């Protein structure tokens, strides 16, 4: 499915076209940490430490980079509450909630089919 480009730079968006800006968003959402962070936020706002515990294996640096990119694309909101120390929560925007639907389906499909895809699947590292 294609849509008209609101910027007028292209006749339509086509993720298969080399210069289409869709590719940048696809790259962001196809990243495992982005997909997992969005999933972790589906049930409501969370603090950084909660997200890091949920996303086992992610380093603080990579999680910070991921959250910043998701915020820059309007996928999540970062809310700072005035307290000592500062209280920061991350939550999905409406755009992030809409991205969560297909990503949830993808995560479920992976869990249900991993044994069929790779009988001796390599351990993620």
PDB file of N, CA and C in Angstrom:
ATOM      1  N   UNK A   1       0.846  -1.158   0.000  1.00  0.00           N
ATOM      2  CA  UNK A   1       0.000   0.000   0.000  1.00  0.00           C
ATOM      3  C   UNK A   1       0.898   1.229   0.000  1.00  0.00           C
ATOM      4  N   UNK A   2       0.553   2.224  -0.799  1.00  0.00           N
ATOM      5  CA  UNK A   2       1.321   3.456  -0.842  1.00  0.00           C
ATOM      6  C   UNK A   2       0.439   4.613  -0.427  1.00  0.00           C
ATOM      7  N   UNK A   3       1.069   5.660   0.053  1.00  0.00           N
ATOM      8  CA  UNK A   3       0.348   6.858   0.474  1.00  0.00           C
ATOM      9  C   UNK A   3       1.026   8.062  -0.142  1.00  0.00           C
ATOM     10  N   UNK A   4       0.264   9.112  -0.317  1.00  0.00           N
ATOM     11  CA  UNK A   4       0.835  10.344  -0.831  1.00  0.00           C
ATOM     12  C   UNK A   4       1.814  10.917   0.170  1.00  0.00           C
ATOM     13  N   UNK A   5       2.883  11.476  -0.352  1.00  0.00           N
ATOM     14  CA  UNK A   5       3.903  12.069   0.515  1.00  0.00           C
ATOM     15  C   UNK A   5       3.454  13.468   0.914  1.00  0.00           C
ATOM     16  N   UNK A   6       3.229  13.729   2.221  1.00  0.00           N
ATOM     17  CA  UNK A   6       2.752  15.044   2.636  1.00  0.00           C
ATOM     18  C   UNK A   6       3.763  16.158   2.368  1.00  0.00           C
ATOM     19  N   UNK A   7       5.037  15.837   2.253  1.00  0.00           N
ATOM     20  CA  UNK A   7       6.047  16.867   1.998  1.00  0.00           C
ATOM     21  C   UNK A   7       6.080  17.269   0.532  1.00  0.00           C
ATOM     22  N   UNK A   8       5.468  16.441  -0.325  1.00  0.00           N
ATOM     23  CA  UNK A   8       5.478  16.723  -1.753  1.00  0.00           C
ATOM     24  C   UNK A   8       6.779  16.342  -2.428  1.00  0.00           C
ATOM     25  N   UNK A   9       7.699  15.726  -1.682  1.00  0.00           N
ATOM     26  CA  UNK A   9       8.987  15.347  -2.247  1.00  0.00           C
ATOM     27  C   UNK A   9       8.883  14.116  -3.136  1.00  0.00           C
ATOM     28  N   UNK A  10       7.855  13.322  -2.935  1.00  0.00           N
ATOM     29  CA  UNK A  10       7.670  12.087  -3.695  1.00  0.00           C
ATOM     30  C   UNK A  10       6.204  11.985  -4.089  1.00  0.00           C
ATOM     31  N   UNK A  11       5.945  11.265  -5.180  1.00  0.00           N
ATOM     32  CA  UNK A  11       4.554  11.060  -5.585  1.00  0.00           C
ATOM     33  C   UNK A  11       3.834  10.198  -4.553  1.00  0.00           C
ATOM     34  N   UNK A  12       4.548   9.249  -3.968  1.00  0.00           N
ATOM     35  CA  UNK A  12       3.986   8.370  -2.948  1.00  0.00           C
ATOM     36  C   UNK A  12       5.136   7.745  -2.161  1.00  0.00           C
ATOM     37  N   UNK A  13       4.815   7.214  -1.009  1.00  0.00           N
ATOM     38  CA  UNK A  13       5.832   6.525  -0.207  1.00  0.00           C
ATOM     39  C   UNK A  13       5.929   5.084  -0.691  1.00  0.00           C
ATOM     40  N   UNK A  14       7.148   4.620  -0.831  1.00  0.00           N
ATOM     41  CA  UNK A  14       7.404   3.250  -1.271  1.00  0.00           C
ATOM     42  C   UNK A  14       8.632   2.746  -0.531  1.00  0.00           C
ATOM     43  N   UNK A  15       8.419   1.877   0.436  1.00  0.00           N
ATOM     44  CA  UNK A  15       9.507   1.385   1.278  1.00  0.00           C
ATOM     45  C   UNK A  15      10.568   0.647   0.457  1.00  0.00           C
ATOM     46  N   UNK A  16      10.224   0.202  -0.729  1.00  0.00           N
ATOM     47  CA  UNK A  16      11.190  -0.484  -1.593  1.00  0.00           C
ATOM     48  C   UNK A  16      12.071   0.489  -2.369  1.00  0.00           C
ATOM     49  N   UNK A  17      11.697   1.760  -2.428  1.00  0.00           N
ATOM     50  CA  UNK A  17      12.491   2.762  -3.148  1.00  0.00           C
ATOM     51  C   UNK A  17      13.689   3.184  -2.300  1.00  0.00           C
ATOM     52  N   UNK A  18      14.847   3.209  -2.912  1.00  0.00           N
ATOM     53  CA  UNK A  18      16.099   3.467  -2.189  1.00  0.00           C
ATOM     54  C   UNK A  18      16.093   4.792  -1.437  1.00  0.00           C
ATOM     55  N   UNK A  19      15.500   5.817  -1.981  1.00  0.00           N
ATOM     56  CA  UNK A  19      15.551   7.139  -1.363  1.00  0.00           C
ATOM     57  C   UNK A  19      14.328   7.486  -0.519  1.00  0.00           C
ATOM     58  N   UNK A  20      13.411   6.559  -0.360  1.00  0.00           N
ATOM     59  CA  UNK A  20      12.200   6.852   0.399  1.00  0.00           C
ATOM     60  C   UNK A  20      12.518   6.979   1.889  1.00  0.00           C
ATOM     61  N   UNK A  21      12.013   8.024   2.543  1.00  0.00           N
ATOM     62  CA  UNK A  21      12.259   8.188   3.979  1.00  0.00           C
ATOM     63  C   UNK A  21      11.609   7.090   4.828  1.00  0.00           C
ATOM     64  N   UNK A  22      10.720   6.304   4.229  1.00  0.00           N
ATOM     65  CA  UNK A  22      10.118   5.176   4.955  1.00  0.00           C
ATOM     66  C   UNK A  22      11.177   4.220   5.477  1.00  0.00           C
ATOM     67  N   UNK A  23      12.261   4.114   4.748  1.00  0.00           N
ATOM     68  CA  UNK A  23      13.309   3.168   5.134  1.00  0.00           C
ATOM     69  C   UNK A  23      13.897   3.480   6.502  1.00  0.00           C
ATOM     70  N   UNK A  24      14.009   4.750   6.834  1.00  0.00           N
ATOM     71  CA  UNK A  24      14.568   5.133   8.126  1.00  0.00           C
ATOM     72  C   UNK A  24      13.653   4.665   9.250  1.00  0.00           C
ATOM     73  N   UNK A  25      12.352   4.856   9.072  1.00  0.00           N
ATOM     74  CA  UNK A  25      11.394   4.411  10.081  1.00  0.00           C
ATOM     75  C   UNK A  25      11.355   2.883  10.155  1.00  0.00           C
ATOM     76  N   UNK A  26      11.416   2.215   9.009  1.00  0.00           N
ATOM     77  CA  UNK A  26      11.448   0.758   8.989  1.00  0.00           C
ATOM     78  C   UNK A  26      12.686   0.248   9.724  1.00  0.00           C
ATOM     79  N   UNK A  27      13.817   0.877   9.492  1.00  0.00           N
ATOM     80  CA  UNK A  27      15.051   0.485  10.173  1.00  0.00           C
ATOM     81  C   UNK A  27      14.905   0.618  11.683  1.00  0.00           C
ATOM     82  N   UNK A  28      14.293   1.694  12.128  1.00  0.00           N
ATOM     83  CA  UNK A  28      14.084   1.902  13.562  1.00  0.00           C
ATOM     84  C   UNK A  28      13.194   0.815  14.153  1.00  0.00           C
ATOM     85  N   UNK A  29      12.075   0.539  13.517  1.00  0.00           N
ATOM     86  CA  UNK A  29      11.116  -0.419  14.059  1.00  0.00           C
ATOM     87  C   UNK A  29      11.571  -1.866  13.915  1.00  0.00           C
ATOM     88  N   UNK A  30      12.410  -2.157  12.914  1.00  0.00           N
ATOM     89  CA  UNK A  30      12.891  -3.520  12.715  1.00  0.00           C
ATOM     90  C   UNK A  30      14.043  -3.866  13.662  1.00  0.00           C
ATOM     91  N   UNK A  31      14.543  -2.900  14.400  1.00  0.00           N
ATOM     92  CA  UNK A  31      15.599  -3.132  15.372  1.00  0.00           C
ATOM     93  C   UNK A  31      15.027  -3.893  16.566  1.00  0.00           C
ATOM     94  N   UNK A  32      15.726  -4.938  17.014  1.00  0.00           N
ATOM     95  CA  UNK A  32      15.162  -5.770  18.086  1.00  0.00           C
ATOM     96  C   UNK A  32      14.923  -4.981  19.363  1.00  0.00           C
ATOM     97  N   UNK A  33      15.823  -4.065  19.725  1.00  0.00           N
ATOM     98  CA  UNK A  33      15.635  -3.329  20.979  1.00  0.00           C
ATOM     99  C   UNK A  33      14.459  -2.367  20.878  1.00  0.00           C
ATOM    100  N   UNK A  34      14.252  -1.782  19.699  1.00  0.00           N
ATOM    101  CA  UNK A  34      13.086  -0.912  19.511  1.00  0.00           C
ATOM    102  C   UNK A  34      11.799  -1.720  19.637  1.00  0.00           C
ATOM    103  N   UNK A  35      11.757  -2.858  18.948  1.00  0.00           N
ATOM    104  CA  UNK A  35      10.562  -3.701  18.990  1.00  0.00           C
ATOM    105  C   UNK A  35      10.269  -4.171  20.409  1.00  0.00           C
ATOM    106  N   UNK A  36      11.319  -4.522  21.157  1.00  0.00           N
ATOM    107  CA  UNK A  36      11.123  -4.992  22.530  1.00  0.00           C
ATOM    108  C   UNK A  36      10.743  -3.844  23.470  1.00  0.00           C
ATOM    109  N   UNK A  37      11.336  -2.667  23.279  1.00  0.00           N
ATOM    110  CA  UNK A  37      11.002  -1.515  24.125  1.00  0.00           C
ATOM    111  C   UNK A  37       9.550  -1.101  23.910  1.00  0.00           C
ATOM    112  N   UNK A  38       9.114  -1.083  22.673  1.00  0.00           N
ATOM    113  CA  UNK A  38       7.716  -0.743  22.381  1.00  0.00           C
ATOM    114  C   UNK A  38       6.794  -1.766  23.043  1.00  0.00           C
ATOM    115  N   UNK A  39       7.144  -3.035  22.952  1.00  0.00           N
ATOM    116  CA  UNK A  39       6.341  -4.067  23.600  1.00  0.00           C
ATOM    117  C   UNK A  39       6.304  -3.914  25.104  1.00  0.00           C
ATOM    118  N   UNK A  40       7.430  -3.562  25.695  1.00  0.00           N
ATOM    119  CA  UNK A  40       7.492  -3.382  27.153  1.00  0.00           C
ATOM    120  C   UNK A  40       6.636  -2.216  27.621  1.00  0.00           C
ATOM    121  N   UNK A  41       6.394  -1.254  26.736  1.00  0.00           N
ATOM    122  CA  UNK A  41       5.612  -0.065  27.101  1.00  0.00           C
ATOM    123  C   UNK A  41       4.125  -0.200  26.760  1.00  0.00           C
ATOM    124  N   UNK A  42       3.731  -1.333  26.198  1.00  0.00           N
ATOM    125  CA  UNK A  42       2.328  -1.514  25.804  1.00  0.00           C
ATOM    126  C   UNK A  42       1.363  -1.428  26.985  1.00  0.00           C
ATOM    127  N   UNK A  43       1.799  -1.835  28.154  1.00  0.00           N
ATOM    128  CA  UNK A  43       0.906  -1.841  29.313  1.00  0.00           C
ATOM    129  C   UNK A  43       0.991  -0.583  30.160  1.00  0.00           C
ATOM    130  N   UNK A  44       1.661   0.444  29.651  1.00  0.00           N
ATOM    131  CA  UNK A  44       1.708   1.703  30.370  1.00  0.00           C
ATOM    132  C   UNK A  44       3.121   2.208  30.583  1.00  0.00           C
ATOM    133  N   UNK A  45       3.218   3.423  31.135  1.00  0.00           N
ATOM    134  CA  UNK A  45       4.518   4.072  31.330  1.00  0.00           C
ATOM    135  C   UNK A  45       5.440   3.265  32.240  1.00  0.00           C
ATOM    136  N   UNK A  46       6.723   3.380  31.951  1.00  0.00           N
ATOM    137  CA  UNK A  46       7.732   2.716  32.773  1.00  0.00           C
ATOM    138  C   UNK A  46       8.953   3.619  32.901  1.00  0.00           C
ATOM    139  N   UNK A  47       9.682   3.391  33.976  1.00  0.00           N
ATOM    140  CA  UNK A  47      10.934   4.094  34.195  1.00  0.00           C
ATOM    141  C   UNK A  47      12.056   3.336  33.500  1.00  0.00           C
ATOM    142  N   UNK A  48      13.199   4.003  33.360  1.00  0.00           N
ATOM    143  CA  UNK A  48      14.340   3.425  32.667  1.00  0.00           C
ATOM    144  C   UNK A  48      14.755   2.088  33.282  1.00  0.00           C
ATOM    145  N   UNK A  49      14.886   2.046  34.584  1.00  0.00           N
ATOM    146  CA  UNK A  49      15.318   0.825  35.265  1.00  0.00           C
ATOM    147  C   UNK A  49      14.356  -0.332  35.041  1.00  0.00           C
ATOM    148  N   UNK A  50      13.050  -0.034  35.032  1.00  0.00           N
ATOM    149  CA  UNK A  50      12.055  -1.076  34.769  1.00  0.00           C
ATOM    150  C   UNK A  50      12.216  -1.631  33.355  1.00  0.00           C
ATOM    151  N   UNK A  51      12.441  -0.722  32.401  1.00  0.00           N
ATOM    152  CA  UNK A  51      12.640  -1.152  31.018  1.00  0.00           C
ATOM    153  C   UNK A  51      13.902  -1.996  30.886  1.00  0.00           C
ATOM    154  N   UNK A  52      14.961  -1.569  31.544  1.00  0.00           N
ATOM    155  CA  UNK A  52      16.213  -2.314  31.441  1.00  0.00           C
ATOM    156  C   UNK A  52      16.078  -3.723  32.036  1.00  0.00           C
ATOM    157  N   UNK A  53      15.351  -3.847  33.125  1.00  0.00           N
ATOM    158  CA  UNK A  53      15.133  -5.172  33.709  1.00  0.00           C
ATOM    159  C   UNK A  53      14.280  -6.050  32.790  1.00  0.00           C
ATOM    160  N   UNK A  54      13.281  -5.453  32.168  1.00  0.00           N
ATOM    161  CA  UNK A  54      12.399  -6.204  31.270  1.00  0.00           C
ATOM    162  C   UNK A  54      13.148  -6.658  30.008  1.00  0.00           C
ATOM    163  N   UNK A  55      13.992  -5.792  29.477  1.00  0.00           N
ATOM    164  CA  UNK A  55      14.739  -6.076  28.247  1.00  0.00           C
ATOM    165  C   UNK A  55      16.089  -6.688  28.617  1.00  0.00           C
ATOM    166  N   UNK A  56      16.051  -7.904  29.086  1.00  0.00           N
ATOM    167  CA  UNK A  56      17.260  -8.581  29.549  1.00  0.00           C
ATOM    168  C   UNK A  56      18.336  -8.580  28.466  1.00  0.00           C
ATOM    169  N   UNK A  57      19.540  -8.168  28.864  1.00  0.00           N
ATOM    170  CA  UNK A  57      20.678  -8.185  27.951  1.00  0.00           C
ATOM    171  C   UNK A  57      20.989  -6.851  27.298  1.00  0.00           C
ATOM    172  N   UNK A  58      20.113  -5.870  27.408  1.00  0.00           N
ATOM    173  CA  UNK A  58      20.390  -4.565  26.803  1.00  0.00           C
ATOM    174  C   UNK A  58      21.285  -3.759  27.747  1.00  0.00           C
ATOM    175  N   UNK A  59      22.281  -3.091  27.183  1.00  0.00           N
ATOM    176  CA  UNK A  59      23.157  -2.247  27.995  1.00  0.00           C
ATOM    177  C   UNK A  59      22.472  -0.899  28.216  1.00  0.00           C
ATOM    178  N   UNK A  60      22.833  -0.187  29.282  1.00  0.00           N
ATOM    179  CA  UNK A  60      22.250   1.138  29.501  1.00  0.00           C
ATOM    180  C   UNK A  60      22.475   2.070  28.312  1.00  0.00           C
ATOM    181  N   UNK A  61      23.651   1.992  27.695  1.00  0.00           N
ATOM    182  CA  UNK A  61      23.964   2.856  26.545  1.00  0.00           C
ATOM    183  C   UNK A  61      23.034   2.577  25.377  1.00  0.00           C
ATOM    184  N   UNK A  62      22.870   1.309  25.045  1.00  0.00           N
ATOM    185  CA  UNK A  62      22.024   0.940  23.905  1.00  0.00           C
ATOM    186  C   UNK A  62      20.561   1.277  24.199  1.00  0.00           C
ATOM    187  N   UNK A  63      20.109   1.041  25.428  1.00  0.00           N
ATOM    188  CA  UNK A  63      18.730   1.385  25.777  1.00  0.00           C
ATOM    189  C   UNK A  63      18.509   2.886  25.681  1.00  0.00           C
ATOM    190  N   UNK A  64      19.447   3.664  26.161  1.00  0.00           N
ATOM    191  CA  UNK A  64      19.342   5.126  26.069  1.00  0.00           C
ATOM    192  C   UNK A  64      19.267   5.570  24.615  1.00  0.00           C
ATOM    193  N   UNK A  65      20.135   5.034  23.768  1.00  0.00           N
ATOM    194  CA  UNK A  65      20.121   5.386  22.340  1.00  0.00           C
ATOM    195  C   UNK A  65      18.797   5.004  21.693  1.00  0.00           C
ATOM    196  N   UNK A  66      18.303   3.822  22.027  1.00  0.00           N
ATOM    197  CA  UNK A  66      17.037   3.345  21.466  1.00  0.00           C
ATOM    198  C   UNK A  66      15.883   4.245  21.879  1.00  0.00           C
ATOM    199  N   UNK A  67      15.807   4.563  23.166  1.00  0.00           N
ATOM    200  CA  UNK A  67      14.723   5.418  23.659  1.00  0.00           C
ATOM    201  C   UNK A  67      14.788   6.811  23.033  1.00  0.00           C
ATOM    202  N   UNK A  68      15.972   7.351  22.855  1.00  0.00           N
ATOM    203  CA  UNK A  68      16.118   8.671  22.227  1.00  0.00           C
ATOM    204  C   UNK A  68      15.640   8.659  20.783  1.00  0.00           C
ATOM    205  N   UNK A  69      15.998   7.598  20.044  1.00  0.00           N
ATOM    206  CA  UNK A  69      15.545   7.497  18.647  1.00  0.00           C
ATOM    207  C   UNK A  69      14.033   7.347  18.572  1.00  0.00           C
ATOM    208  N   UNK A  70      13.449   6.521  19.442  1.00  0.00           N
ATOM    209  CA  UNK A  70      11.999   6.345  19.444  1.00  0.00           C
ATOM    210  C   UNK A  70      11.299   7.653  19.797  1.00  0.00           C
ATOM    211  N   UNK A  71      11.872   8.399  20.714  1.00  0.00           N
ATOM    212  CA  UNK A  71      11.302   9.704  21.069  1.00  0.00           C
ATOM    213  C   UNK A  71      11.409  10.674  19.894  1.00  0.00           C
ATOM    214  N   UNK A  72      12.555  10.701  19.220  1.00  0.00           N
ATOM    215  CA  UNK A  72      12.756  11.605  18.086  1.00  0.00           C
ATOM    216  C   UNK A  72      11.768  11.346  16.955  1.00  0.00           C
ATOM    217  N   UNK A  73      11.352  10.094  16.792  1.00  0.00           N
ATOM    218  CA  UNK A  73      10.402   9.741  15.739  1.00  0.00           C
ATOM    219  C   UNK A  73       8.954   9.855  16.195  1.00  0.00           C
ATOM    220  N   UNK A  74       8.728  10.268  17.438  1.00  0.00           N
ATOM    221  CA  UNK A  74       7.363  10.433  17.921  1.00  0.00           C
ATOM    222  C   UNK A  74       6.698   9.136  18.330  1.00  0.00           C
ATOM    223  N   UNK A  75       7.501   8.086  18.576  1.00  0.00           N
ATOM    224  CA  UNK A  75       6.958   6.789  18.962  1.00  0.00           C
ATOM    225  C   UNK A  75       6.690   6.740  20.464  1.00  0.00           C
ATOM    226  N   UNK A  76       7.517   7.440  21.225  1.00  0.00           N
ATOM    227  CA  UNK A  76       7.298   7.475  22.672  1.00  0.00           C
ATOM    228  C   UNK A  76       7.526   8.867  23.218  1.00  0.00           C
ATOM    229  N   UNK A  77       6.966   9.086  24.401  1.00  0.00           N
ATOM    230  CA  UNK A  77       7.139  10.338  25.141  1.00  0.00           C
ATOM    231  C   UNK A  77       8.032  10.074  26.338  1.00  0.00           C
ATOM    232  N   UNK A  78       8.856  11.045  26.653  1.00  0.00           N
ATOM    233  CA  UNK A  78       9.699  11.013  27.850  1.00  0.00           C
ATOM    234  C   UNK A  78       9.195  12.128  28.751  1.00  0.00           C
ATOM    235  N   UNK A  79       8.724  11.755  29.934  1.00  0.00           N
ATOM    236  CA  UNK A  79       8.177  12.733  30.875  1.00  0.00           C
ATOM    237  C   UNK A  79       9.072  12.791  32.103  1.00  0.00           C
ATOM    238  N   UNK A  80       9.532  13.999  32.417  1.00  0.00           N
ATOM    239  CA  UNK A  80      10.377  14.212  33.599  1.00  0.00           C
ATOM    240  C   UNK A  80       9.514  14.858  34.676  1.00  0.00           C
ATOM    241  N   UNK A  81       9.455  14.209  35.834  1.00  0.00           N
ATOM    242  CA  UNK A  81       8.704  14.735  36.968  1.00  0.00           C
ATOM    243  C   UNK A  81       9.684  15.396  37.931  1.00  0.00           C
ATOM    244  N   UNK A  82       9.354  16.592  38.403  1.00  0.00           N
ATOM    245  CA  UNK A  82      10.270  17.292  39.307  1.00  0.00           C
ATOM    246  C   UNK A  82      10.345  16.588  40.663  1.00  0.00           C
ATOM    247  N   UNK A  83      11.476  16.014  40.921  1.00  0.00           N
ATOM    248  CA  UNK A  83      11.726  15.325  42.180  1.00  0.00           C
ATOM    249  C   UNK A  83      13.235  15.219  42.335  1.00  0.00           C
ATOM    250  N   UNK A  84      13.668  14.835  43.501  1.00  0.00           N
ATOM    251  CA  UNK A  84      15.091  14.611  43.738  1.00  0.00           C
ATOM    252  C   UNK A  84      15.266  13.167  44.173  1.00  0.00           C
ATOM    253  N   UNK A  85      15.911  12.321  43.413  1.00  0.00           N
ATOM    254  CA  UNK A  85      16.409  12.569  42.054  1.00  0.00           C
ATOM    255  C   UNK A  85      15.261  12.654  41.055  1.00  0.00           C
ATOM    256  N   UNK A  86      15.539  13.182  39.848  1.00  0.00           N
ATOM    257  CA  UNK A  86      14.461  13.323  38.855  1.00  0.00           C
ATOM    258  C   UNK A  86      13.805  11.970  38.552  1.00  0.00           C
ATOM    259  N   UNK A  87      12.504  12.013  38.381  1.00  0.00           N
ATOM    260  CA  UNK A  87      11.694  10.829  38.071  1.00  0.00           C
ATOM    261  C   UNK A  87      11.331  10.938  36.590  1.00  0.00           C
ATOM    262  N   UNK A  88      11.790   9.994  35.780  1.00  0.00           N
ATOM    263  CA  UNK A  88      11.545  10.015  34.336  1.00  0.00           C
ATOM    264  C   UNK A  88      10.761   8.768  33.953  1.00  0.00           C
ATOM    265  N   UNK A  89       9.715   8.967  33.173  1.00  0.00           N
ATOM    266  CA  UNK A  89       8.917   7.851  32.670  1.00  0.00           C
ATOM    267  C   UNK A  89       8.826   7.922  31.157  1.00  0.00           C
ATOM    268  N   UNK A  90       8.757   6.757  30.552  1.00  0.00           N
ATOM    269  CA  UNK A  90       8.592   6.627  29.109  1.00  0.00           C
ATOM    270  C   UNK A  90       7.233   5.999  28.843  1.00  0.00           C
ATOM    271  N   UNK A  91       6.545   6.513  27.828  1.00  0.00           N
ATOM    272  CA  UNK A  91       5.233   5.970  27.466  1.00  0.00           C
ATOM    273  C   UNK A  91       5.057   6.065  25.955  1.00  0.00           C
ATOM    274  N   UNK A  92       4.225   5.200  25.421  1.00  0.00           N
ATOM    275  CA  UNK A  92       3.947   5.208  23.990  1.00  0.00           C
ATOM    276  C   UNK A  92       3.028   6.367  23.633  1.00  0.00           C
ATOM    277  N   UNK A  93       3.297   6.989  22.513  1.00  0.00           N
ATOM    278  CA  UNK A  93       2.399   7.981  21.939  1.00  0.00           C
ATOM    279  C   UNK A  93       1.322   7.219  21.155  1.00  0.00           C
ATOM    280  N   UNK A  94       0.306   7.904  20.648  1.00  0.00           N
ATOM    281  CA  UNK A  94      -0.656   7.202  19.781  1.00  0.00           C
ATOM    282  C   UNK A  94       0.030   6.535  18.577  1.00  0.00           C
ATOM    283  N   UNK A  95       1.046   7.181  18.018  1.00  0.00           N
ATOM    284  CA  UNK A  95       1.794   6.572  16.918  1.00  0.00           C
ATOM    285  C   UNK A  95       2.495   5.301  17.395  1.00  0.00           C
ATOM    286  N   UNK A  96       3.087   5.352  18.585  1.00  0.00           N
ATOM    287  CA  UNK A  96       3.742   4.182  19.161  1.00  0.00           C
ATOM    288  C   UNK A  96       2.760   3.061  19.451  1.00  0.00           C
ATOM    289  N   UNK A  97       1.574   3.420  19.914  1.00  0.00           N
ATOM    290  CA  UNK A  97       0.549   2.404  20.174  1.00  0.00           C
ATOM    291  C   UNK A  97       0.130   1.719  18.883  1.00  0.00           C
ATOM    292  N   UNK A  98       0.071   2.486  17.785  1.00  0.00           N
ATOM    293  CA  UNK A  98      -0.298   1.867  16.509  1.00  0.00           C
ATOM    294  C   UNK A  98       0.835   0.975  15.998  1.00  0.00           C
ATOM    295  N   UNK A  99       2.091   1.330  16.258  1.00  0.00           N
ATOM    296  CA  UNK A  99       3.224   0.479  15.865  1.00  0.00           C
ATOM    297  C   UNK A  99       3.274  -0.782  16.715  1.00  0.00           C
ATOM    298  N   UNK A 100       2.784  -0.705  17.949  1.00  0.00           N
ATOM    299  CA  UNK A 100       2.829  -1.846  18.859  1.00  0.00           C
ATOM    300  C   UNK A 100       1.986  -3.015  18.350  1.00  0.00           C
ATOM    301  N   UNK A 101       0.941  -2.744  17.606  1.00  0.00           N
ATOM    302  CA  UNK A 101       0.041  -3.808  17.149  1.00  0.00           C
ATOM    303  C   UNK A 101       0.760  -4.791  16.225  1.00  0.00           C
ATOM    304  N   UNK A 102       1.358  -4.338  15.111  1.00  0.00           N
ATOM    305  CA  UNK A 102       2.055  -5.312  14.266  1.00  0.00           C
ATOM    306  C   UNK A 102       3.318  -5.879  14.925  1.00  0.00           C
ATOM    307  N   UNK A 103       3.992  -5.086  15.765  1.00  0.00           N
ATOM    308  CA  UNK A 103       5.183  -5.601  16.448  1.00  0.00           C
ATOM    309  C   UNK A 103       4.816  -6.690  17.447  1.00  0.00           C
ATOM    310  N   UNK A 104       3.671  -6.551  18.104  1.00  0.00           N
ATOM    311  CA  UNK A 104       3.195  -7.584  19.020  1.00  0.00           C
ATOM    312  C   UNK A 104       2.948  -8.880  18.250  1.00  0.00           C
ATOM    313  N   UNK A 105       2.314  -8.742  17.089  1.00  0.00           N
ATOM    314  CA  UNK A 105       2.049  -9.926  16.257  1.00  0.00           C
ATOM    315  C   UNK A 105       3.358 -10.581  15.822  1.00  0.00           C
ATOM    316  N   UNK A 106       4.355  -9.776  15.481  1.00  0.00           N
ATOM    317  CA  UNK A 106       5.646 -10.322  15.072  1.00  0.00           C
ATOM    318  C   UNK A 106       6.328 -11.043  16.232  1.00  0.00           C
ATOM    319  N   UNK A 107       6.333 -10.437  17.417  1.00  0.00           N
ATOM    320  CA  UNK A 107       6.951 -11.088  18.585  1.00  0.00           C
ATOM    321  C   UNK A 107       6.247 -12.414  18.896  1.00  0.00           C
ATOM    322  N   UNK A 108       4.927 -12.431  18.829  1.00  0.00           N
ATOM    323  CA  UNK A 108       4.164 -13.663  19.080  1.00  0.00           C
ATOM    324  C   UNK A 108       4.496 -14.723  18.042  1.00  0.00           C
ATOM    325  N   UNK A 109       4.566 -14.312  16.782  1.00  0.00           N
ATOM    326  CA  UNK A 109       4.888 -15.255  15.717  1.00  0.00           C
ATOM    327  C   UNK A 109       6.269 -15.867  15.948  1.00  0.00           C
ATOM    328  N   UNK A 110       7.237 -15.045  16.331  1.00  0.00           N
ATOM    329  CA  UNK A 110       8.596 -15.534  16.583  1.00  0.00           C
ATOM    330  C   UNK A 110       8.593 -16.570  17.702  1.00  0.00           C
ATOM    331  N   UNK A 111       7.915 -16.271  18.804  1.00  0.00           N
ATOM    332  CA  UNK A 111       7.871 -17.206  19.931  1.00  0.00           C
ATOM    333  C   UNK A 111       7.205 -18.527  19.549  1.00  0.00           C
ATOM    334  N   UNK A 112       6.160 -18.445  18.716  1.00  0.00           N
ATOM    335  CA  UNK A 112       5.423 -19.644  18.322  1.00  0.00           C
ATOM    336  C   UNK A 112       6.158 -20.475  17.276  1.00  0.00           C
ATOM    337  N   UNK A 113       7.039 -19.855  16.507  1.00  0.00           N
ATOM    338  CA  UNK A 113       7.635 -20.551  15.367  1.00  0.00           C
ATOM    339  C   UNK A 113       9.139 -20.753  15.434  1.00  0.00           C
ATOM    340  N   UNK A 114       9.789 -20.320  16.479  1.00  0.00           N
ATOM    341  CA  UNK A 114      11.241 -20.433  16.541  1.00  0.00           C
ATOM    342  C   UNK A 114      11.699 -21.886  16.422  1.00  0.00           C
ATOM    343  N   UNK A 115      10.981 -22.805  17.013  1.00  0.00           N
ATOM    344  CA  UNK A 115      11.392 -24.204  16.947  1.00  0.00           C
ATOM    345  C   UNK A 115      11.268 -24.785  15.532  1.00  0.00           C
ATOM    346  N   UNK A 116      10.388 -24.216  14.735  1.00  0.00           N
ATOM    347  CA  UNK A 116      10.206 -24.678  13.363  1.00  0.00           C
ATOM    348  C   UNK A 116      11.184 -23.981  12.410  1.00  0.00           C
ATOM    349  N   UNK A 117      11.544 -22.763  12.738  1.00  0.00           N
ATOM    350  CA  UNK A 117      12.435 -21.987  11.865  1.00  0.00           C
ATOM    351  C   UNK A 117      13.860 -22.495  11.947  1.00  0.00           C
ATOM    352  N   UNK A 118      14.303 -22.791  13.146  1.00  0.00           N
ATOM    353  CA  UNK A 118      15.672 -23.274  13.378  1.00  0.00           C
ATOM    354  C   UNK A 118      15.582 -24.422  14.370  1.00  0.00           C
ATOM    355  N   UNK A 119      15.596 -25.648  13.914  1.00  0.00           N
ATOM    356  CA  UNK A 119      15.529 -26.774  14.853  1.00  0.00           C
ATOM    357  C   UNK A 119      16.589 -26.685  15.955  1.00  0.00           C
ATOM    358  N   UNK A 120      17.757 -26.162  15.619  1.00  0.00           N
ATOM    359  CA  UNK A 120      18.807 -25.970  16.625  1.00  0.00           C
ATOM    360  C   UNK A 120      19.186 -24.494  16.602  1.00  0.00           C
ATOM    361  N   UNK A 121      18.240 -23.656  16.982  1.00  0.00           N
ATOM    362  CA  UNK A 121      18.433 -22.207  16.903  1.00  0.00           C
ATOM    363  C   UNK A 121      19.638 -21.762  17.705  1.00  0.00           C
ATOM    364  N   UNK A 122      20.456 -20.869  17.121  1.00  0.00           N
ATOM    365  CA  UNK A 122      21.593 -20.334  17.871  1.00  0.00           C
ATOM    366  C   UNK A 122      21.105 -19.448  18.999  1.00  0.00           C
ATOM    367  N   UNK A 123      21.855 -19.410  20.074  1.00  0.00           N
ATOM    368  CA  UNK A 123      21.522 -18.572  21.220  1.00  0.00           C
ATOM    369  C   UNK A 123      21.883 -17.128  20.884  1.00  0.00           C
ATOM    370  N   UNK A 124      20.942 -16.202  21.132  1.00  0.00           N
ATOM    371  CA  UNK A 124      21.186 -14.784  20.851  1.00  0.00           C
ATOM    372  C   UNK A 124      22.282 -14.271  21.768  1.00  0.00           C
ATOM    373  N   UNK A 125      23.056 -13.359  21.237  1.00  0.00           N
ATOM    374  CA  UNK A 125      24.145 -12.811  22.038  1.00  0.00           C
ATOM    375  C   UNK A 125      24.187 -11.346  22.069  1.00  0.00           C
TER     376      UNK A 125
END
